[in-house]
Amino acid sequence: MNTPIQRTLTALAATLGLVASGTSLAQTPVKIKIADSFPVGHYLPRYITTPMIERLKANPAAKGMEFEYYPAEQMGKAKDFLSLVQSGVIDIAYVAPGFVSDKMPLSVVSELPLDFTGSCQGTLAYWNLAKPGGMLDKKEFAPNGVRLLFTIVLPPYQVVTRKPFANLKDLEGMKIRASGSAKELVLKKLKATPVLMPTPDVYESLSRGTIDGVLFPFNSLPPYEIHKLSKTSTFGQNFGTFVANWVISEKRFQSLPPAVQQDLTAMGEQLTRSACAQVEKDEAGDVEKVKAAGVKMIALSAADKALVAKAVAYLEGLSEAKGRFVQTDPRGAVSQGSLYLKRPGKARFAYDPPAGLLVVSDGGKVSVHNTKLKTFEAYPLSATPLSLFLARQIRLDRGVVVSRVTRYADGFAITARDGRKQAEGAITLTFADNPMRLLAWTVTDAQGGATRVQLSGFARTSGLAPSLFVLNDPRPRAVGRGKM
C-alpha cells in the first residue's frame, strides 16, 4: 500500500538522488573538442592548435577542462565543420571559407589574387576585418553564430602539375584541383578545368591521373607529399590564396569562465601573427624541398626579366639623389620629409616636425633618433629590406628572390626579398616608365605590416655632404647609453 509516508520517503529519495547526481555532474570534467582536417604533423596545427591547447592548460581558470584534439577529419569532412560547431558537436574547429562559400561569400573574396606578397600581409589585413567587432564578424561570423579565434592567409598559390609545362598557355585544358570558388575563377581565366575536392583526396587523385595538377602554396606540398608526384611549378606568381579560420560558437564561448574567454581573446592576434610569420620563414625551406624532389620551377618570363634588368640599371646609375617623401605606416599614420640618397648604402630621411625623427644609413648600420621620445636605436643595414637596393651591386638574380613583377599603364613594380633571410620582410619598388624614375616603395615587415613611401621631386644630384650620412647617438652617457 502506497501510504503518504511512503510517498514522502520516495520523493525525498528522488530529491537526494538528484542532488547526488548534480554533485557528480559538477565533478565531471568539461571537455573541449577541437577538430580539423589536417594530417598529423601538419604545420598549421603545430603553429596554432598546439600552442592554444598548451596555453589553456596552463591557465588556472581552465582547471578541470579536458582538451580532445581530432585531426585528419576524424570528426567529419572539412566542409561540415561549420555546421558541427553550430550544432555543438565540436567546440573549436578549422573552418575554411572556401568550403562554405554560401555561408561566407565575403571572406572568399580574400582568396582572390589580391595585391599581397606574403602570408602576414594577407593575414593581418583579413584579421582586421574578421576579428570580433570587425566588418566580416558582423556580416558573416556573428550571423552564423560563431566567433573567430585565429586565422591565417597562406602565401600566394602556385600552379603545380604532374607533367611539364613551359608557360601558362600549356595549362589550357588541364584538370587542376581548386579549393573553393575563388580559385575556380582563376583557373577558368587560365582556360584550365577546375576540379573541387578535399585536400586529403588530392594525393590519390594526382597519382591516378584523375587530376593533372593543383593550386597549392609551397608550404602545403610536403605535408601531403604532392611534390613527389609533380614535375613543374610556377614560382613567384600569385594565383590566389587560402583562408584558414579557427572558430568557436558564440554560445560555447560565452559558457566558458571569463578568464578563459580573456585568454582566448588575447591569444587571437598573438597566435595569428606568430603563425603567419613562421609560415613565411618556412617557405624558403619548403621551396628547396620541392626543388630537391625534381620539380622544375617556371619563374619570371623574358619580358619580366627585361623589366627587372631595366630597374637594376636605373638604380645602379642612381649614385646620388634627393627629393621629398610622404610615408604611410602600417597604422595609417602619415608623415613627410626630405630624402637624400648616396649609393652604395647611404640614405638620410629627415622627417618634418612634429614627427621628430631622423633616420640615417651610413652604409653599415641604420640609426634612428627620435627627438620627441629621446631614443636612439641602430640596426644592421643588412637586416632591412632597404639593403636590397642600396647595395653597391644590385643582384636580383643571386641571393635575392623576385617574387612578383606587376605592370601598369605607365610603369611597373617589382617585389623582392632577401633569399638568404638576412633581411626579414620584402620590398616593392614602383617605377614610372618613360622617363624611368623611382616613384615609391613599400616595405613589408616580418609581421605583415606595410610602410609605403611615395616620392616627389626625386631626381639625381651631386655633391651631397658626407656629414648628411653620419648620425651618432646625441644623448649624454648618463642617460644610459651603452654599447650597441
Protein backbone atom coordinates (compact mmCIF):
# COMPACT_ATOMS: atom_id res chain seq x y z
CA MET A 1 0.00 0.00 0.00
CA ASN A 2 1.38 3.37 -1.01
CA THR A 3 0.86 5.44 2.14
CA PRO A 4 1.51 9.21 2.43
CA ILE A 5 4.64 8.40 4.46
CA GLN A 6 5.95 6.07 1.74
CA ARG A 7 5.21 8.68 -0.94
CA THR A 8 7.10 11.30 1.10
CA LEU A 9 10.08 8.97 1.54
CA THR A 10 10.07 8.17 -2.18
CA ALA A 11 10.03 11.89 -3.07
CA LEU A 12 12.83 12.56 -0.59
CA ALA A 13 14.88 9.74 -2.05
CA ALA A 14 14.34 11.10 -5.55
CA THR A 15 15.38 14.57 -4.40
CA LEU A 16 18.51 13.21 -2.75
CA GLY A 17 19.22 11.27 -5.90
CA LEU A 18 19.01 14.44 -7.96
CA VAL A 19 21.33 16.25 -5.56
CA ALA A 20 23.80 13.40 -5.70
CA SER A 21 23.54 13.30 -9.47
CA GLY A 22 24.12 17.07 -9.61
CA THR A 23 27.19 16.70 -7.42
CA SER A 24 28.52 14.01 -9.73
CA LEU A 25 27.91 16.17 -12.79
CA ALA A 26 29.71 19.09 -11.16
CA GLN A 27 32.77 16.89 -10.78
CA THR A 28 32.66 15.68 -14.40
CA PRO A 29 35.49 17.32 -16.44
CA VAL A 30 34.43 19.84 -19.04
CA LYS A 31 35.58 18.56 -22.44
CA ILE A 32 36.63 20.93 -25.19
CA LYS A 33 36.62 19.15 -28.55
CA ILE A 34 38.89 20.60 -31.24
CA ALA A 35 38.89 19.32 -34.81
CA ASP A 36 40.45 19.93 -38.22
CA SER A 37 41.18 18.11 -41.47
CA PHE A 38 44.98 18.39 -41.41
CA PRO A 39 47.15 15.26 -41.28
CA VAL A 40 49.13 14.58 -38.11
CA GLY A 41 52.27 16.73 -38.10
CA HIS A 42 50.87 19.42 -40.41
CA TYR A 43 52.39 22.84 -39.80
CA LEU A 44 49.15 24.77 -39.15
CA PRO A 45 48.02 22.77 -36.07
CA ARG A 46 51.63 22.91 -34.88
CA TYR A 47 51.64 26.71 -35.04
CA ILE A 48 48.06 27.35 -33.87
CA THR A 49 46.20 24.42 -32.27
CA THR A 50 49.01 23.01 -30.13
CA PRO A 51 50.10 26.39 -28.65
CA MET A 52 46.46 27.22 -27.91
CA ILE A 53 45.90 23.96 -26.01
CA GLU A 54 49.15 24.26 -24.08
CA ARG A 55 48.40 27.81 -23.03
CA LEU A 56 44.86 26.97 -21.94
CA LYS A 57 46.10 24.02 -19.90
CA ALA A 58 48.40 26.41 -18.04
CA ASN A 59 45.51 28.74 -17.20
CA PRO A 60 44.24 28.12 -13.63
CA ALA A 61 40.75 29.07 -14.78
CA ALA A 62 40.78 26.06 -17.14
CA LYS A 63 41.40 23.61 -14.31
CA GLY A 64 39.06 20.66 -14.77
CA MET A 65 38.87 21.12 -18.52
CA GLU A 66 39.96 18.33 -20.84
CA PHE A 67 41.06 19.12 -24.38
CA GLU A 68 40.39 16.49 -27.04
CA TYR A 69 42.01 17.05 -30.42
CA TYR A 70 40.71 15.28 -33.53
CA PRO A 71 42.91 15.80 -36.63
CA ALA A 72 42.63 14.35 -40.14
CA GLU A 73 38.82 14.65 -40.49
CA GLN A 74 38.20 12.28 -37.56
CA MET A 75 35.12 14.33 -36.64
CA GLY A 76 33.87 14.92 -40.18
CA LYS A 77 34.71 16.49 -43.53
CA ALA A 78 36.20 19.97 -43.69
CA LYS A 79 33.08 21.31 -45.44
CA ASP A 80 30.96 20.19 -42.45
CA PHE A 81 32.99 21.75 -39.64
CA LEU A 82 30.99 24.98 -39.54
CA SER A 83 27.70 23.14 -39.02
CA LEU A 84 29.34 20.80 -36.48
CA VAL A 85 30.42 23.84 -34.44
CA GLN A 86 26.98 25.41 -34.76
CA SER A 87 25.33 22.20 -33.51
CA GLY A 88 27.76 21.82 -30.59
CA VAL A 89 29.27 18.53 -31.78
CA ILE A 90 32.65 20.28 -31.97
CA ASP A 91 33.67 23.19 -29.76
CA ILE A 92 36.55 24.66 -31.79
CA ALA A 93 37.12 23.81 -35.44
CA TYR A 94 39.05 24.80 -38.51
CA VAL A 95 36.63 26.42 -40.95
CA ALA A 96 37.73 27.39 -44.46
CA PRO A 97 35.50 29.99 -46.14
CA GLY A 98 36.34 28.38 -49.49
CA PHE A 99 34.50 25.23 -48.39
CA VAL A 100 31.43 27.12 -47.13
CA SER A 101 31.26 29.92 -49.67
CA ASP A 102 27.47 30.00 -49.44
CA LYS A 103 27.81 30.97 -45.76
CA MET A 104 30.91 33.18 -46.03
CA PRO A 105 30.94 34.71 -49.53
CA LEU A 106 32.69 37.93 -48.47
CA SER A 107 35.57 36.02 -46.86
CA VAL A 108 36.08 34.09 -50.10
CA VAL A 109 36.94 37.37 -51.84
CA SER A 110 40.14 37.35 -49.75
CA GLU A 111 41.23 34.21 -51.63
CA LEU A 112 41.42 36.01 -55.00
CA PRO A 113 44.87 37.04 -56.36
CA LEU A 114 44.98 40.31 -54.45
CA ASP A 115 47.92 42.68 -54.01
CA PHE A 116 49.90 40.92 -51.28
CA THR A 117 53.28 39.21 -51.34
CA GLY A 118 53.40 37.12 -48.16
CA SER A 119 51.29 35.33 -45.61
CA CYS A 120 51.42 38.03 -42.92
CA GLN A 121 50.42 40.86 -45.21
CA GLY A 122 47.30 38.96 -46.26
CA THR A 123 46.65 37.51 -42.82
CA LEU A 124 46.67 40.78 -40.91
CA ALA A 125 44.51 42.53 -43.49
CA TYR A 126 41.92 39.75 -43.19
CA TRP A 127 42.22 39.55 -39.38
CA ASN A 128 41.43 43.24 -39.01
CA LEU A 129 38.20 42.69 -40.95
CA ALA A 130 37.16 39.38 -39.40
CA LYS A 131 38.17 39.61 -35.73
CA PRO A 132 35.37 40.18 -33.19
CA GLY A 133 33.86 43.58 -33.88
CA GLY A 134 35.22 43.77 -37.44
CA MET A 135 33.18 44.17 -40.59
CA LEU A 136 33.31 40.48 -41.55
CA ASP A 137 32.48 39.48 -37.99
CA LYS A 138 29.26 41.47 -38.21
CA LYS A 139 28.45 40.36 -41.76
CA GLU A 140 29.40 36.66 -41.66
CA PHE A 141 30.69 35.24 -38.38
CA ALA A 142 28.05 36.61 -35.99
CA PRO A 143 25.12 35.73 -38.31
CA ASN A 144 26.46 32.16 -38.38
CA GLY A 145 26.63 32.11 -34.59
CA VAL A 146 30.41 31.72 -34.43
CA ARG A 147 33.37 33.77 -33.27
CA LEU A 148 36.76 33.90 -34.99
CA LEU A 149 39.60 32.85 -32.69
CA PHE A 150 42.58 32.65 -35.08
CA THR A 151 43.21 32.95 -38.79
CA ILE A 152 45.91 32.61 -41.40
CA VAL A 153 46.04 33.54 -45.06
CA LEU A 154 48.52 31.25 -46.78
CA PRO A 155 51.29 32.50 -49.10
CA PRO A 156 50.34 33.07 -52.76
CA TYR A 157 49.30 29.85 -54.51
CA GLN A 158 51.27 28.35 -57.39
CA VAL A 159 50.24 26.00 -60.19
CA VAL A 160 51.92 22.61 -59.63
CA THR A 161 51.43 19.83 -62.20
CA ARG A 162 52.35 16.18 -62.73
CA LYS A 163 53.51 16.85 -66.28
CA PRO A 164 55.80 19.52 -67.72
CA PHE A 165 54.61 22.93 -68.90
CA ALA A 166 56.59 25.88 -70.22
CA ASN A 167 54.07 28.69 -69.97
CA LEU A 168 50.53 29.44 -68.85
CA LYS A 169 49.11 28.58 -72.28
CA ASP A 170 50.23 24.97 -71.72
CA LEU A 171 47.80 24.80 -68.78
CA GLU A 172 44.78 25.13 -71.05
CA GLY A 173 42.54 22.09 -70.68
CA MET A 174 44.46 20.66 -67.71
CA LYS A 175 42.37 19.43 -64.78
CA ILE A 176 43.63 21.42 -61.79
CA ARG A 177 42.40 20.92 -58.25
CA ALA A 178 40.94 24.05 -56.67
CA SER A 179 39.93 24.70 -53.06
CA GLY A 180 36.93 26.95 -53.44
CA SER A 181 35.13 29.25 -55.84
CA ALA A 182 37.83 31.96 -55.90
CA LYS A 183 40.42 29.56 -57.33
CA GLU A 184 37.77 28.20 -59.71
CA LEU A 185 37.52 31.65 -61.26
CA VAL A 186 41.31 31.93 -61.56
CA LEU A 187 41.63 28.54 -63.28
CA LYS A 188 38.80 29.31 -65.69
CA LYS A 189 40.62 32.52 -66.57
CA LEU A 190 43.65 30.37 -67.43
CA LYS A 191 41.35 28.13 -69.51
CA ALA A 192 42.13 25.17 -67.25
CA THR A 193 39.45 22.89 -65.85
CA PRO A 194 38.95 23.42 -62.09
CA VAL A 195 38.22 20.33 -60.01
CA LEU A 196 36.91 20.85 -56.48
CA MET A 197 37.96 18.22 -53.98
CA PRO A 198 39.02 17.93 -50.31
CA THR A 199 42.76 18.25 -49.71
CA PRO A 200 43.13 14.71 -48.23
CA ASP A 201 41.93 13.28 -51.57
CA VAL A 202 44.48 15.16 -53.69
CA TYR A 203 47.42 12.73 -53.48
CA GLU A 204 45.42 9.72 -54.66
CA SER A 205 43.69 11.69 -57.41
CA LEU A 206 47.01 13.04 -58.65
CA SER A 207 48.67 9.61 -58.56
CA ARG A 208 45.80 8.07 -60.55
CA GLY A 209 45.73 10.85 -63.09
CA THR A 210 42.24 11.96 -62.12
CA ILE A 211 43.69 15.48 -61.94
CA ASP A 212 46.73 16.93 -63.70
CA GLY A 213 47.79 19.33 -61.00
CA VAL A 214 46.92 21.52 -58.07
CA LEU A 215 46.83 25.10 -56.90
CA PHE A 216 48.89 24.97 -53.70
CA PRO A 217 51.34 27.10 -51.73
CA PHE A 218 54.83 25.63 -51.39
CA ASN A 219 54.31 25.19 -47.64
CA SER A 220 51.48 22.70 -48.19
CA LEU A 221 53.16 20.45 -50.77
CA PRO A 222 55.45 18.44 -48.40
CA PRO A 223 52.77 17.66 -45.73
CA TYR A 224 50.65 15.92 -48.38
CA GLU A 225 53.70 14.70 -50.39
CA ILE A 226 52.29 16.34 -53.53
CA HIS A 227 55.77 17.40 -54.64
CA LYS A 228 56.80 13.75 -55.01
CA LEU A 229 54.23 13.34 -57.80
CA SER A 230 54.88 16.67 -59.51
CA LYS A 231 57.09 17.77 -62.40
CA THR A 232 56.60 21.50 -62.84
CA SER A 233 55.57 24.51 -60.76
CA THR A 234 55.19 28.22 -61.24
CA PHE A 235 57.36 30.37 -58.97
CA GLY A 236 56.85 33.89 -57.68
CA GLN A 237 53.32 34.16 -59.06
CA ASN A 238 50.03 34.81 -57.28
CA PHE A 239 47.09 32.64 -58.31
CA GLY A 240 45.14 33.36 -55.15
CA THR A 241 45.38 32.03 -51.63
CA PHE A 242 43.52 30.13 -48.94
CA VAL A 243 41.98 31.44 -45.72
CA ALA A 244 42.01 29.08 -42.73
CA ASN A 245 39.95 30.10 -39.70
CA TRP A 246 39.55 28.59 -36.24
CA VAL A 247 36.12 29.32 -34.80
CA ILE A 248 34.02 28.61 -31.72
CA SER A 249 30.28 29.03 -31.40
CA GLU A 250 29.37 32.25 -29.62
CA LYS A 251 27.14 30.27 -27.23
CA ARG A 252 30.02 27.96 -26.27
CA PHE A 253 32.41 30.88 -25.89
CA GLN A 254 30.05 32.67 -23.50
CA SER A 255 29.73 29.49 -21.39
CA LEU A 256 33.48 29.45 -20.66
CA PRO A 257 34.90 31.04 -17.49
CA PRO A 258 35.65 34.77 -18.03
CA ALA A 259 39.39 34.20 -17.53
CA VAL A 260 39.41 31.55 -20.27
CA GLN A 261 37.49 33.89 -22.57
CA GLN A 262 40.08 36.59 -21.92
CA ASP A 263 42.93 34.17 -22.61
CA LEU A 264 41.43 33.05 -25.92
CA THR A 265 40.84 36.67 -26.92
CA ALA A 266 44.41 37.67 -26.07
CA MET A 267 45.77 34.66 -27.97
CA GLY A 268 43.83 35.66 -31.10
CA GLU A 269 46.16 38.24 -32.56
CA GLN A 270 49.26 36.77 -30.89
CA LEU A 271 48.93 33.32 -32.48
CA THR A 272 47.67 34.77 -35.74
CA ARG A 273 50.80 36.94 -36.01
CA SER A 274 53.25 34.28 -34.87
CA ALA A 275 51.78 31.60 -37.16
CA CYS A 276 51.94 33.68 -40.34
CA ALA A 277 55.48 34.81 -39.50
CA GLN A 278 56.57 31.19 -39.05
CA VAL A 279 54.89 30.16 -42.30
CA GLU A 280 56.82 32.89 -44.14
CA LYS A 281 60.08 31.71 -42.59
CA ASP A 282 59.33 28.11 -43.60
CA GLU A 283 58.55 28.94 -47.22
CA ALA A 284 62.14 29.14 -48.47
CA GLY A 285 62.93 25.70 -46.97
CA ASP A 286 59.77 24.23 -48.50
CA VAL A 287 60.76 25.61 -51.91
CA GLU A 288 64.08 23.79 -51.57
CA LYS A 289 62.29 20.53 -50.68
CA VAL A 290 60.18 20.86 -53.80
CA LYS A 291 63.25 21.55 -55.95
CA ALA A 292 65.06 18.56 -54.39
CA ALA A 293 62.17 16.34 -55.48
CA GLY A 294 62.97 17.30 -59.08
CA VAL A 295 60.19 19.80 -59.64
CA LYS A 296 61.13 22.37 -62.29
CA MET A 297 60.35 25.97 -61.35
CA ILE A 298 58.87 28.22 -64.04
CA ALA A 299 59.93 31.65 -62.88
CA LEU A 300 59.87 35.11 -64.47
CA SER A 301 59.13 35.45 -68.14
CA ALA A 302 61.65 37.02 -70.51
CA ALA A 303 59.60 40.23 -70.50
CA ASP A 304 59.60 40.30 -66.67
CA LYS A 305 63.35 39.72 -66.59
CA ALA A 306 63.83 42.60 -69.00
CA LEU A 307 61.92 44.93 -66.67
CA VAL A 308 63.99 43.75 -63.69
CA ALA A 309 67.20 44.39 -65.64
CA LYS A 310 65.93 47.86 -66.56
CA ALA A 311 65.21 48.65 -62.92
CA VAL A 312 68.62 47.38 -61.81
CA ALA A 313 70.40 49.54 -64.40
CA TYR A 314 68.45 52.61 -63.26
CA LEU A 315 69.15 52.04 -59.55
CA GLU A 316 72.83 51.31 -60.06
CA GLY A 317 73.13 54.55 -62.05
CA LEU A 318 71.47 56.49 -59.24
CA SER A 319 74.66 57.37 -57.36
CA GLU A 320 73.25 60.48 -55.65
CA ALA A 321 69.68 61.75 -55.47
CA LYS A 322 67.38 63.84 -53.35
CA GLY A 323 63.69 64.66 -53.09
CA ARG A 324 60.65 64.73 -50.83
CA PHE A 325 58.75 61.78 -49.41
CA VAL A 326 55.37 61.03 -47.84
CA GLN A 327 55.29 57.98 -45.59
CA THR A 328 52.23 55.98 -44.51
CA ASP A 329 52.92 53.50 -41.72
CA PRO A 330 51.02 50.22 -41.01
CA ARG A 331 48.58 52.07 -38.72
CA GLY A 332 47.76 54.63 -41.41
CA ALA A 333 49.70 57.50 -39.81
CA VAL A 334 51.15 59.90 -42.40
CA SER A 335 54.42 61.83 -42.12
CA GLN A 336 56.68 63.55 -44.61
CA GLY A 337 60.17 64.91 -45.01
CA SER A 338 63.29 65.14 -47.16
CA LEU A 339 65.26 62.20 -48.56
CA TYR A 340 68.94 62.14 -49.51
CA LEU A 341 70.44 59.09 -51.21
CA LYS A 342 74.06 58.26 -51.89
CA ARG A 343 74.75 54.77 -53.13
CA PRO A 344 76.15 52.43 -52.06
CA GLY A 345 74.48 52.05 -48.71
CA LYS A 346 73.83 55.63 -47.63
CA ALA A 347 70.50 57.35 -47.09
CA ARG A 348 69.04 60.09 -44.89
CA PHE A 349 65.36 60.54 -44.03
CA ALA A 350 64.80 63.88 -42.30
CA TYR A 351 61.20 64.00 -41.11
CA ASP A 352 59.38 67.31 -40.87
CA PRO A 353 58.06 68.49 -37.48
CA PRO A 354 56.24 67.38 -35.45
CA ALA A 355 57.47 63.83 -36.23
CA GLY A 356 60.82 64.39 -34.52
CA LEU A 357 62.50 61.55 -36.43
CA LEU A 358 65.83 61.29 -38.18
CA VAL A 359 66.85 58.05 -39.90
CA VAL A 360 70.34 57.66 -41.35
CA SER A 361 72.04 54.75 -43.08
CA ASP A 362 75.82 55.13 -43.11
CA GLY A 363 76.44 52.07 -45.28
CA GLY A 364 76.80 49.63 -42.41
CA LYS A 365 74.00 50.41 -39.99
CA VAL A 366 70.71 52.25 -39.90
CA SER A 367 70.40 54.69 -36.97
CA VAL A 368 67.08 56.06 -35.76
CA HIS A 369 66.92 59.13 -33.50
CA ASN A 370 63.56 60.14 -32.03
CA THR A 371 63.92 63.62 -30.56
CA LYS A 372 60.43 63.55 -29.03
CA LEU A 373 60.98 60.29 -27.15
CA LYS A 374 64.72 60.95 -26.72
CA THR A 375 65.59 57.48 -28.01
CA PHE A 376 68.34 56.26 -30.29
CA GLU A 377 68.47 52.85 -31.95
CA ALA A 378 70.70 51.22 -34.53
CA TYR A 379 70.20 48.18 -36.78
CA PRO A 380 72.44 46.44 -39.33
CA LEU A 381 71.59 47.67 -42.82
CA SER A 382 71.71 44.03 -43.98
CA ALA A 383 68.75 43.27 -41.67
CA THR A 384 66.47 45.70 -43.53
CA PRO A 385 64.85 45.30 -46.97
CA LEU A 386 66.34 48.67 -47.96
CA SER A 387 69.68 46.89 -48.33
CA LEU A 388 68.31 45.22 -51.47
CA PHE A 389 68.58 48.44 -53.50
CA LEU A 390 71.25 50.33 -51.54
CA ALA A 391 73.87 47.65 -52.28
CA ARG A 392 76.88 48.58 -54.44
CA GLN A 393 75.97 45.91 -56.96
CA ILE A 394 72.26 45.13 -57.15
CA ARG A 395 71.86 41.45 -57.95
CA LEU A 396 68.25 40.42 -58.33
CA ASP A 397 69.40 37.05 -59.69
CA ARG A 398 71.56 35.95 -56.76
CA GLY A 399 70.68 35.91 -53.06
CA VAL A 400 67.50 37.86 -53.80
CA VAL A 401 64.12 36.42 -54.72
CA VAL A 402 61.98 38.48 -57.09
CA SER A 403 58.52 37.24 -56.19
CA ARG A 404 56.45 39.44 -58.47
CA VAL A 405 56.57 41.84 -61.40
CA THR A 406 53.42 43.92 -61.90
CA ARG A 407 52.79 46.02 -64.99
CA TYR A 408 50.80 49.26 -65.02
CA ALA A 409 49.73 51.53 -67.86
CA ASP A 410 52.66 53.88 -67.30
CA GLY A 411 55.12 51.82 -65.27
CA PHE A 412 55.74 48.67 -63.27
CA ALA A 413 56.53 47.36 -59.78
CA ILE A 414 58.98 44.73 -58.57
CA THR A 415 58.60 42.85 -55.29
CA ALA A 416 61.73 41.25 -53.85
CA ARG A 417 63.03 39.75 -50.64
CA ASP A 418 66.38 38.55 -49.35
CA GLY A 419 66.59 34.87 -50.31
CA ARG A 420 69.14 34.25 -47.56
CA LYS A 421 66.67 35.61 -44.99
CA GLN A 422 69.20 38.07 -43.56
CA ALA A 423 66.59 40.76 -44.06
CA GLU A 424 63.09 39.86 -42.91
CA GLY A 425 60.12 41.00 -44.94
CA ALA A 426 60.00 42.26 -48.52
CA ILE A 427 60.21 45.45 -50.53
CA THR A 428 58.14 46.51 -53.53
CA LEU A 429 59.72 49.16 -55.77
CA THR A 430 57.38 51.11 -58.06
CA PHE A 431 58.78 52.76 -61.19
CA ALA A 432 57.50 55.11 -63.85
CA ASP A 433 58.42 54.22 -67.40
CA ASN A 434 59.39 56.88 -69.96
CA PRO A 435 61.19 58.52 -68.41
CA MET A 436 62.43 55.89 -66.00
CA ARG A 437 62.24 57.01 -62.37
CA LEU A 438 61.57 55.63 -58.90
CA LEU A 439 58.11 56.63 -57.67
CA ALA A 440 57.66 54.75 -54.41
CA TRP A 441 58.47 51.72 -52.36
CA THR A 442 56.56 49.63 -49.84
CA VAL A 443 58.41 47.76 -47.09
CA THR A 444 56.52 44.81 -45.61
CA ASP A 445 57.96 43.60 -42.31
CA ALA A 446 58.05 40.03 -40.97
CA GLN A 447 54.68 40.55 -39.25
CA GLY A 448 53.00 41.75 -42.45
CA GLY A 449 52.91 45.45 -41.57
CA ALA A 450 53.33 47.58 -44.70
CA THR A 451 55.01 51.01 -44.74
CA ARG A 452 54.65 52.93 -48.02
CA VAL A 453 56.98 55.75 -49.06
CA GLN A 454 55.88 57.92 -52.01
CA LEU A 455 58.44 60.20 -53.64
CA SER A 456 58.08 63.61 -55.26
CA GLY A 457 60.71 65.73 -56.95
CA PHE A 458 63.12 62.81 -56.59
CA ALA A 459 66.00 63.35 -59.01
CA ARG A 460 69.70 62.84 -59.49
CA THR A 461 72.04 65.32 -57.86
CA SER A 462 75.72 65.60 -56.91
CA GLY A 463 77.94 66.95 -54.18
CA LEU A 464 75.92 65.74 -51.18
CA ALA A 465 77.87 66.44 -47.98
CA PRO A 466 79.30 63.32 -46.26
CA SER A 467 78.00 64.66 -42.94
CA LEU A 468 74.42 64.01 -44.10
CA PHE A 469 75.06 60.30 -43.68
CA VAL A 470 76.56 60.36 -40.19
CA LEU A 471 74.38 60.05 -37.11
CA ASN A 472 75.92 59.48 -33.71
CA ASP A 473 73.96 58.95 -30.51
CA PRO A 474 73.44 62.52 -29.26
CA ARG A 475 72.32 61.51 -25.79
CA PRO A 476 74.64 62.01 -22.80
CA ARG A 477 76.13 58.80 -21.45
CA ALA A 478 74.43 59.49 -18.15
CA VAL A 479 71.11 58.76 -19.83
CA GLY A 480 72.12 55.14 -20.02
CA ARG A 481 73.88 54.79 -23.31
CA GLY A 482 75.62 51.53 -23.76
CA LYS A 483 77.28 49.55 -26.49
CA MET A 484 75.06 48.62 -29.38
